[in-house]
Amino acid sequence: MSAMTKKAKNFKKSKAGVYMSIGTTAFGAISVAKQAKLARQENDVLRLVDAAVSAAAIVTGLAILYRELKRLGDDDVLLG
């Protein structure tokens, strides 16, 4: 395993990596909101259901990332 690969894996487990993942996941919510808006305008029930399922996946992903962030914070003595 190269040094660059090790560095990338460590970044994913770092606070900065978790914050970046939260940001990119939240950014996906914009496209889901656009999809839901378009589905409502066209009265397309199937697309609206797809948007709702996608929104649920985003919420679940954000909750998992928040839990990971809290775990990383538990190691920090200053955060209590």
N, C-alpha and C. Protein backbone atom coordinates (compact mmCIF):
# COMPACT_ATOMS: atom_id res chain seq x y z
N MET A 1 0.85 -1.17 0.00
CA MET A 1 0.00 0.00 0.00
C MET A 1 0.90 1.24 0.00
N SER A 2 0.62 2.14 -0.87
CA SER A 2 1.45 3.33 -0.98
C SER A 2 1.11 4.32 0.13
N ALA A 3 1.99 5.27 0.30
CA ALA A 3 1.78 6.29 1.33
C ALA A 3 0.55 7.14 1.02
N MET A 4 0.31 7.38 -0.26
CA MET A 4 -0.84 8.18 -0.67
C MET A 4 -2.15 7.45 -0.33
N THR A 5 -2.18 6.14 -0.52
CA THR A 5 -3.38 5.36 -0.20
C THR A 5 -3.64 5.37 1.30
N LYS A 6 -2.60 5.23 2.10
CA LYS A 6 -2.76 5.27 3.55
C LYS A 6 -3.27 6.63 4.00
N LYS A 7 -2.74 7.68 3.37
CA LYS A 7 -3.16 9.03 3.73
C LYS A 7 -4.64 9.25 3.39
N ALA A 8 -5.08 8.72 2.25
CA ALA A 8 -6.48 8.86 1.84
C ALA A 8 -7.39 8.10 2.79
N LYS A 9 -7.00 6.91 3.22
CA LYS A 9 -7.83 6.14 4.16
C LYS A 9 -7.91 6.84 5.51
N ASN A 10 -6.81 7.42 5.96
CA ASN A 10 -6.83 8.14 7.23
C ASN A 10 -7.69 9.40 7.14
N PHE A 11 -7.73 10.03 5.97
CA PHE A 11 -8.55 11.23 5.80
C PHE A 11 -10.03 10.90 5.93
N LYS A 12 -10.41 9.74 5.41
CA LYS A 12 -11.81 9.34 5.48
C LYS A 12 -12.27 9.16 6.92
N LYS A 13 -11.39 8.77 7.80
CA LYS A 13 -11.73 8.56 9.21
C LYS A 13 -11.48 9.80 10.06
N SER A 14 -11.05 10.89 9.46
CA SER A 14 -10.75 12.10 10.22
C SER A 14 -11.99 13.00 10.30
N LYS A 15 -11.91 13.98 11.18
CA LYS A 15 -13.03 14.93 11.31
C LYS A 15 -13.23 15.70 10.01
N ALA A 16 -12.15 16.09 9.38
CA ALA A 16 -12.27 16.83 8.12
C ALA A 16 -12.94 15.97 7.06
N GLY A 17 -12.61 14.70 7.02
CA GLY A 17 -13.22 13.79 6.06
C GLY A 17 -14.70 13.60 6.31
N VAL A 18 -15.07 13.51 7.58
CA VAL A 18 -16.50 13.36 7.92
C VAL A 18 -17.26 14.63 7.57
N TYR A 19 -16.67 15.79 7.87
CA TYR A 19 -17.33 17.05 7.50
C TYR A 19 -17.50 17.15 5.99
N MET A 20 -16.51 16.71 5.25
CA MET A 20 -16.60 16.75 3.79
C MET A 20 -17.69 15.80 3.30
N SER A 21 -17.79 14.63 3.91
CA SER A 21 -18.85 13.69 3.54
C SER A 21 -20.23 14.25 3.86
N ILE A 22 -20.36 14.92 4.99
CA ILE A 22 -21.63 15.55 5.35
C ILE A 22 -22.01 16.61 4.32
N GLY A 23 -21.03 17.40 3.92
CA GLY A 23 -21.28 18.45 2.93
C GLY A 23 -21.71 17.89 1.58
N THR A 24 -21.03 16.85 1.11
CA THR A 24 -21.39 16.28 -0.19
C THR A 24 -22.74 15.58 -0.13
N THR A 25 -23.04 14.95 1.00
CA THR A 25 -24.34 14.30 1.15
C THR A 25 -25.45 15.35 1.18
N ALA A 26 -25.23 16.42 1.91
CA ALA A 26 -26.22 17.50 1.97
C ALA A 26 -26.38 18.17 0.61
N PHE A 27 -25.31 18.25 -0.14
CA PHE A 27 -25.38 18.84 -1.48
C PHE A 27 -26.29 18.01 -2.38
N GLY A 28 -26.33 16.70 -2.16
CA GLY A 28 -27.23 15.84 -2.93
C GLY A 28 -28.69 16.15 -2.67
N ALA A 29 -28.97 16.76 -1.52
CA ALA A 29 -30.35 17.12 -1.19
C ALA A 29 -30.90 18.16 -2.15
N ILE A 30 -30.04 18.95 -2.74
CA ILE A 30 -30.48 19.98 -3.69
C ILE A 30 -31.11 19.32 -4.92
N SER A 31 -30.46 18.28 -5.45
CA SER A 31 -31.01 17.61 -6.62
C SER A 31 -32.30 16.86 -6.29
N VAL A 32 -32.39 16.33 -5.08
CA VAL A 32 -33.62 15.65 -4.66
C VAL A 32 -34.76 16.65 -4.53
N ALA A 33 -34.47 17.84 -4.01
CA ALA A 33 -35.49 18.87 -3.90
C ALA A 33 -35.98 19.31 -5.29
N LYS A 34 -35.06 19.44 -6.23
CA LYS A 34 -35.45 19.80 -7.59
C LYS A 34 -36.31 18.70 -8.21
N GLN A 35 -35.92 17.45 -7.96
CA GLN A 35 -36.68 16.32 -8.49
C GLN A 35 -38.09 16.30 -7.92
N ALA A 36 -38.22 16.54 -6.63
CA ALA A 36 -39.54 16.55 -5.99
C ALA A 36 -40.39 17.70 -6.52
N LYS A 37 -39.79 18.86 -6.70
CA LYS A 37 -40.52 20.02 -7.21
C LYS A 37 -41.05 19.74 -8.62
N LEU A 38 -40.20 19.17 -9.46
CA LEU A 38 -40.60 18.85 -10.83
C LEU A 38 -41.70 17.79 -10.83
N ALA A 39 -41.58 16.80 -9.95
CA ALA A 39 -42.59 15.74 -9.88
C ALA A 39 -43.94 16.30 -9.43
N ARG A 40 -43.92 17.25 -8.49
CA ARG A 40 -45.17 17.86 -8.05
C ARG A 40 -45.82 18.68 -9.16
N GLN A 41 -44.98 19.40 -9.93
CA GLN A 41 -45.52 20.21 -11.02
C GLN A 41 -46.16 19.35 -12.10
N GLU A 42 -45.55 18.19 -12.36
CA GLU A 42 -46.05 17.31 -13.42
C GLU A 42 -47.06 16.29 -12.89
N ASN A 43 -47.33 16.31 -11.59
CA ASN A 43 -48.22 15.33 -10.96
C ASN A 43 -47.77 13.90 -11.24
N ASP A 44 -46.48 13.67 -11.18
CA ASP A 44 -45.90 12.35 -11.43
C ASP A 44 -45.65 11.67 -10.09
N VAL A 45 -46.53 10.74 -9.74
CA VAL A 45 -46.48 10.09 -8.44
C VAL A 45 -45.22 9.22 -8.31
N LEU A 46 -44.86 8.54 -9.37
CA LEU A 46 -43.70 7.65 -9.30
C LEU A 46 -42.41 8.42 -9.05
N ARG A 47 -42.24 9.54 -9.71
CA ARG A 47 -41.06 10.38 -9.46
C ARG A 47 -41.08 10.99 -8.07
N LEU A 48 -42.26 11.32 -7.59
CA LEU A 48 -42.39 11.86 -6.24
C LEU A 48 -42.02 10.81 -5.20
N VAL A 49 -42.41 9.58 -5.42
CA VAL A 49 -42.02 8.49 -4.51
C VAL A 49 -40.51 8.28 -4.56
N ASP A 50 -39.94 8.34 -5.76
CA ASP A 50 -38.49 8.21 -5.90
C ASP A 50 -37.77 9.32 -5.15
N ALA A 51 -38.26 10.53 -5.23
CA ALA A 51 -37.66 11.66 -4.51
C ALA A 51 -37.77 11.46 -3.00
N ALA A 52 -38.90 10.94 -2.55
CA ALA A 52 -39.09 10.70 -1.11
C ALA A 52 -38.13 9.63 -0.61
N VAL A 53 -37.95 8.58 -1.38
CA VAL A 53 -37.01 7.51 -0.99
C VAL A 53 -35.58 8.05 -0.99
N SER A 54 -35.25 8.85 -1.98
CA SER A 54 -33.91 9.45 -2.03
C SER A 54 -33.68 10.39 -0.85
N ALA A 55 -34.70 11.14 -0.49
CA ALA A 55 -34.59 12.04 0.66
C ALA A 55 -34.39 11.25 1.95
N ALA A 56 -35.08 10.13 2.07
CA ALA A 56 -34.91 9.28 3.25
C ALA A 56 -33.48 8.72 3.31
N ALA A 57 -32.94 8.37 2.16
CA ALA A 57 -31.56 7.87 2.12
C ALA A 57 -30.57 8.96 2.53
N ILE A 58 -30.83 10.18 2.11
CA ILE A 58 -29.95 11.29 2.48
C ILE A 58 -30.02 11.56 3.98
N VAL A 59 -31.22 11.54 4.54
CA VAL A 59 -31.37 11.76 5.97
C VAL A 59 -30.66 10.66 6.77
N THR A 60 -30.82 9.43 6.33
CA THR A 60 -30.14 8.31 6.99
C THR A 60 -28.63 8.45 6.90
N GLY A 61 -28.14 8.82 5.72
CA GLY A 61 -26.70 9.01 5.54
C GLY A 61 -26.15 10.11 6.43
N LEU A 62 -26.89 11.20 6.54
CA LEU A 62 -26.46 12.30 7.41
C LEU A 62 -26.46 11.88 8.88
N ALA A 63 -27.44 11.07 9.27
CA ALA A 63 -27.49 10.59 10.65
C ALA A 63 -26.29 9.69 10.96
N ILE A 64 -25.93 8.84 10.02
CA ILE A 64 -24.77 7.96 10.21
C ILE A 64 -23.49 8.78 10.30
N LEU A 65 -23.35 9.77 9.44
CA LEU A 65 -22.16 10.61 9.47
C LEU A 65 -22.09 11.43 10.76
N TYR A 66 -23.24 11.89 11.24
CA TYR A 66 -23.27 12.63 12.51
C TYR A 66 -22.83 11.73 13.67
N ARG A 67 -23.30 10.49 13.65
CA ARG A 67 -22.89 9.54 14.68
C ARG A 67 -21.37 9.30 14.62
N GLU A 68 -20.83 9.18 13.43
CA GLU A 68 -19.38 9.00 13.28
C GLU A 68 -18.63 10.22 13.79
N LEU A 69 -19.16 11.39 13.53
CA LEU A 69 -18.54 12.62 14.01
C LEU A 69 -18.55 12.67 15.54
N LYS A 70 -19.65 12.24 16.14
CA LYS A 70 -19.72 12.19 17.60
C LYS A 70 -18.71 11.19 18.17
N ARG A 71 -18.52 10.06 17.50
CA ARG A 71 -17.54 9.07 17.94
C ARG A 71 -16.12 9.63 17.88
N LEU A 72 -15.85 10.36 16.81
CA LEU A 72 -14.52 10.97 16.70
C LEU A 72 -14.33 12.01 17.79
N GLY A 73 -15.41 12.70 18.16
CA GLY A 73 -15.34 13.71 19.20
C GLY A 73 -15.17 13.11 20.58
N ASP A 74 -15.61 11.86 20.78
CA ASP A 74 -15.47 11.20 22.08
C ASP A 74 -14.01 10.98 22.44
N ASP A 75 -13.16 10.86 21.43
CA ASP A 75 -11.73 10.66 21.69
C ASP A 75 -11.04 11.93 22.14
N ASP A 76 -11.67 13.06 21.90
CA ASP A 76 -11.07 14.35 22.21
C ASP A 76 -11.34 14.70 23.69
N VAL A 77 -10.30 14.91 24.44
CA VAL A 77 -10.42 15.20 25.87
C VAL A 77 -11.08 16.56 26.10
N LEU A 78 -10.83 17.50 25.23
CA LEU A 78 -11.35 18.85 25.43
C LEU A 78 -12.85 18.95 25.17
N LEU A 79 -13.40 18.03 24.34
CA LEU A 79 -14.83 18.08 24.05
C LEU A 79 -15.66 17.49 25.17
N GLY A 80 -15.06 16.71 26.04
CA GLY A 80 -15.78 16.14 27.19
C GLY A 80 -16.57 15.01 26.78
